[in-house]
Protein backbone atom coordinates (compact mmCIF):
# COMPACT_ATOMS: atom_id res chain seq x y z
CA MET A 1 -57.50 -85.43 262.75
CA PRO A 2 -56.69 -83.02 265.55
CA ILE A 3 -58.29 -84.56 268.66
CA ASP A 4 -57.05 -83.15 271.92
CA PHE A 5 -57.56 -85.35 274.98
CA ASP A 6 -57.38 -83.93 278.50
CA ILE A 7 -57.73 -86.70 281.06
CA GLU A 8 -58.05 -85.72 284.71
CA LEU A 9 -55.41 -87.25 286.94
CA LEU A 10 -56.79 -89.11 289.92
CA ASP A 11 -55.28 -88.55 293.32
CA ASP A 12 -54.82 -91.18 296.01
CA SER A 13 -58.21 -90.38 297.54
CA ALA A 14 -60.15 -91.62 294.47
CA ASP A 15 -62.40 -94.56 295.31
CA THR A 16 -62.26 -97.93 293.56
CA TRP A 17 -65.36 -97.22 291.45
CA THR A 18 -63.82 -94.02 290.09
CA ARG A 19 -60.46 -95.68 289.41
CA GLU A 20 -62.11 -98.58 287.57
CA SER A 21 -64.32 -96.27 285.51
CA PHE A 22 -61.31 -94.19 284.42
CA ALA A 23 -59.39 -97.40 283.63
CA SER A 24 -62.27 -98.38 281.31
CA PHE A 25 -61.68 -95.26 279.20
CA ASP A 26 -59.88 -96.42 276.07
CA GLN A 27 -58.40 -93.44 274.23
CA GLN A 28 -57.70 -95.48 271.08
CA THR A 29 -61.28 -96.76 270.87
CA ILE A 30 -62.64 -93.24 271.29
CA THR A 31 -60.18 -91.91 268.69
CA ASP A 32 -61.24 -94.61 266.23
CA LEU A 33 -64.90 -93.83 266.96
CA VAL A 34 -64.39 -90.11 266.32
CA HIS A 35 -62.68 -90.91 263.00
CA HIS A 36 -65.58 -93.21 262.08
CA THR A 37 -68.19 -90.62 263.10
CA PHE A 38 -66.46 -87.86 261.16
CA GLU A 39 -66.29 -90.07 258.08
CA ARG A 40 -69.99 -90.99 258.33
CA LEU A 41 -71.01 -87.35 258.76
CA HIS A 42 -68.67 -85.98 256.08
CA ILE A 43 -66.55 -84.00 258.50
CA SER A 44 -62.99 -83.22 257.41
CA GLU A 45 -60.12 -84.91 259.20
CA ASN A 46 -58.80 -81.37 259.73
CA THR A 47 -61.72 -80.52 262.02
CA GLU A 48 -60.65 -79.97 265.61
CA LEU A 49 -62.28 -81.64 268.61
CA SER A 50 -61.32 -81.55 272.28
CA ILE A 51 -62.37 -84.31 274.68
CA ALA A 52 -61.97 -83.87 278.44
CA VAL A 53 -62.38 -86.86 280.75
CA VAL A 54 -63.21 -85.73 284.27
CA GLY A 55 -64.37 -87.05 287.63
CA GLU A 56 -67.70 -86.38 289.27
CA ALA A 57 -66.61 -83.31 291.27
CA GLU A 58 -65.32 -81.52 288.17
CA MET A 59 -68.34 -82.56 286.09
CA GLU A 60 -70.66 -81.30 288.82
CA ARG A 61 -68.79 -77.96 288.82
CA ILE A 62 -69.10 -77.65 285.01
CA HIS A 63 -72.75 -78.77 285.05
CA LEU A 64 -73.62 -76.15 287.66
CA GLU A 65 -71.62 -73.39 285.96
CA TRP A 66 -72.99 -73.92 282.45
CA MET A 67 -76.46 -75.42 282.97
CA ASP A 68 -77.24 -74.23 286.51
CA LEU A 69 -78.07 -77.85 287.37
CA PRO A 70 -76.74 -79.61 290.48
CA GLY A 71 -74.92 -82.94 290.40
CA PRO A 72 -72.62 -84.53 287.86
CA THR A 73 -73.93 -85.52 284.44
CA ASP A 74 -72.63 -88.00 281.87
CA VAL A 75 -71.58 -85.74 278.97
CA MET A 76 -71.56 -82.06 278.15
CA SER A 77 -70.93 -80.51 274.75
CA PHE A 78 -69.65 -77.07 273.89
CA PRO A 79 -69.93 -76.32 270.16
CA MET A 80 -67.48 -73.77 268.77
CA ASP A 81 -67.89 -72.96 265.06
CA GLU A 82 -71.57 -73.98 264.79
CA LEU A 83 -70.69 -76.66 262.24
CA SER A 84 -73.20 -78.97 260.60
CA VAL A 85 -73.04 -82.31 258.83
CA GLY A 86 -71.24 -82.06 255.49
CA THR A 87 -71.68 -83.88 252.20
CA ALA A 88 -69.36 -86.17 250.24
CA GLU A 89 -68.64 -83.25 247.90
CA ASN A 90 -68.34 -80.59 250.59
CA LEU A 91 -66.77 -81.76 253.85
CA THR A 92 -67.35 -79.76 257.00
CA VAL A 93 -64.17 -78.28 258.48
CA GLY A 94 -63.44 -76.05 261.46
CA VAL A 95 -63.40 -76.27 265.23
CA LEU A 96 -66.20 -78.61 266.27
CA GLY A 97 -65.89 -77.87 269.98
CA ASP A 98 -65.36 -79.54 273.33
CA ILE A 99 -66.91 -82.66 274.80
CA VAL A 100 -66.62 -83.48 278.51
CA LEU A 101 -67.11 -87.12 279.58
CA CYS A 102 -67.51 -88.40 283.14
CA PRO A 103 -66.47 -92.08 283.42
CA PRO A 104 -67.98 -92.72 286.90
CA VAL A 105 -71.41 -91.55 285.69
CA ALA A 106 -70.95 -93.49 282.43
CA ALA A 107 -70.05 -96.62 284.41
CA ARG A 108 -73.22 -96.39 286.52
CA GLN A 109 -75.41 -95.77 283.47
CA GLY A 110 -73.81 -98.62 281.56
CA GLN A 111 -74.28 -100.96 284.48
CA GLN A 112 -77.96 -99.96 284.84
CA ALA A 113 -78.51 -100.42 281.09
CA GLY A 114 -76.67 -103.76 281.00
CA HIS A 115 -73.66 -102.79 278.90
CA SER A 116 -70.00 -101.96 279.48
CA THR A 117 -68.53 -98.65 280.56
CA ILE A 118 -66.66 -98.26 277.27
CA ASP A 119 -69.89 -98.89 275.33
CA GLU A 120 -71.52 -96.11 277.36
CA MET A 121 -68.57 -93.79 276.74
CA CYS A 122 -68.80 -94.54 273.01
CA LEU A 123 -72.50 -93.69 273.09
CA LEU A 124 -71.79 -90.47 275.01
CA THR A 125 -68.99 -89.48 272.61
CA VAL A 126 -71.25 -89.76 269.56
CA HIS A 127 -74.00 -88.01 271.51
CA GLY A 128 -71.62 -85.16 272.30
CA ILE A 129 -70.46 -84.86 268.69
CA LEU A 130 -74.06 -84.71 267.49
CA HIS A 131 -74.84 -81.96 270.01
CA CYS A 132 -71.81 -80.01 268.71
CA LEU A 133 -73.33 -80.34 265.22
CA GLY A 134 -76.62 -78.82 266.36
CA TYR A 135 -78.65 -81.96 267.06
CA ASP A 136 -80.84 -81.95 270.14
CA HIS A 137 -83.47 -84.07 271.89
CA ALA A 138 -85.67 -81.42 273.48
CA ASN A 139 -88.81 -82.89 271.92
CA ALA A 140 -89.90 -86.29 270.57
CA GLU A 141 -89.20 -85.46 266.92
CA GLU A 142 -85.68 -84.16 267.62
CA GLU A 143 -84.94 -87.12 269.88
CA ALA A 144 -86.07 -89.62 267.24
CA GLU A 145 -83.81 -88.04 264.63
CA MET A 146 -80.76 -87.65 266.89
CA PHE A 147 -81.00 -91.07 268.53
CA ALA A 148 -81.56 -92.86 265.21
CA LEU A 149 -78.43 -91.27 263.77
CA GLN A 150 -76.51 -91.98 266.98
CA ARG A 151 -77.62 -95.64 266.88
CA SER A 152 -76.69 -95.98 263.20
CA ILE A 153 -73.19 -94.60 263.78
CA LEU A 154 -72.61 -96.81 266.82
CA GLU A 155 -73.92 -99.98 265.19
CA ALA A 156 -71.69 -99.47 262.15
CA PHE A 157 -68.69 -98.82 264.42
CA LEU A 158 -69.33 -101.64 266.90
CA GLY A 159 -70.59 -104.18 264.36
CA ARG A 160 -73.49 -105.07 266.68
CA PRO A 161 -76.55 -103.43 268.21
CA ALA A 162 -75.83 -100.08 269.85
CA PRO A 163 -76.03 -99.70 273.61
CA VAL A 164 -79.37 -98.48 274.95
CA GLU A 165 -79.58 -94.71 275.42
CA THR A 166 -80.11 -93.18 278.81
CA ARG A 167 -83.14 -90.93 278.88
CA TYR A 168 -83.78 -88.38 281.60
């Protein structure tokens, strides 16, 4: 599976919180989760996905540029080929898109929700993949569908209850 990771390098001015949140990012766990998610959603292993891991300043810049919203957010998704979930007989293949994760925001959200930073990043990764596949949570019905699927994927991957979603 072609997963491209781009992890922002931290300079010496990064604070302890930021350093610890980036240290919590486990590329192998996220890779395994993406494989699991693709298998569950019948997405070909030849489908391309890019994951960027950035600090708060870069996430705030992206958030402002693309959503016209101030402040850093936890995850942003940029679908490419407008793919959808496949079937066992007809796997989805193409360029899924780009997901941008922000470990410092994920760490705060995980702490507030009572789970680990990596659990939060797993939740955000699946959330980002689902957005790239056209899922949304703009209304109660969409949220129920997306979050139920997200929870199901995470629980099967983690082998335990999924972390609690952050709702804005």
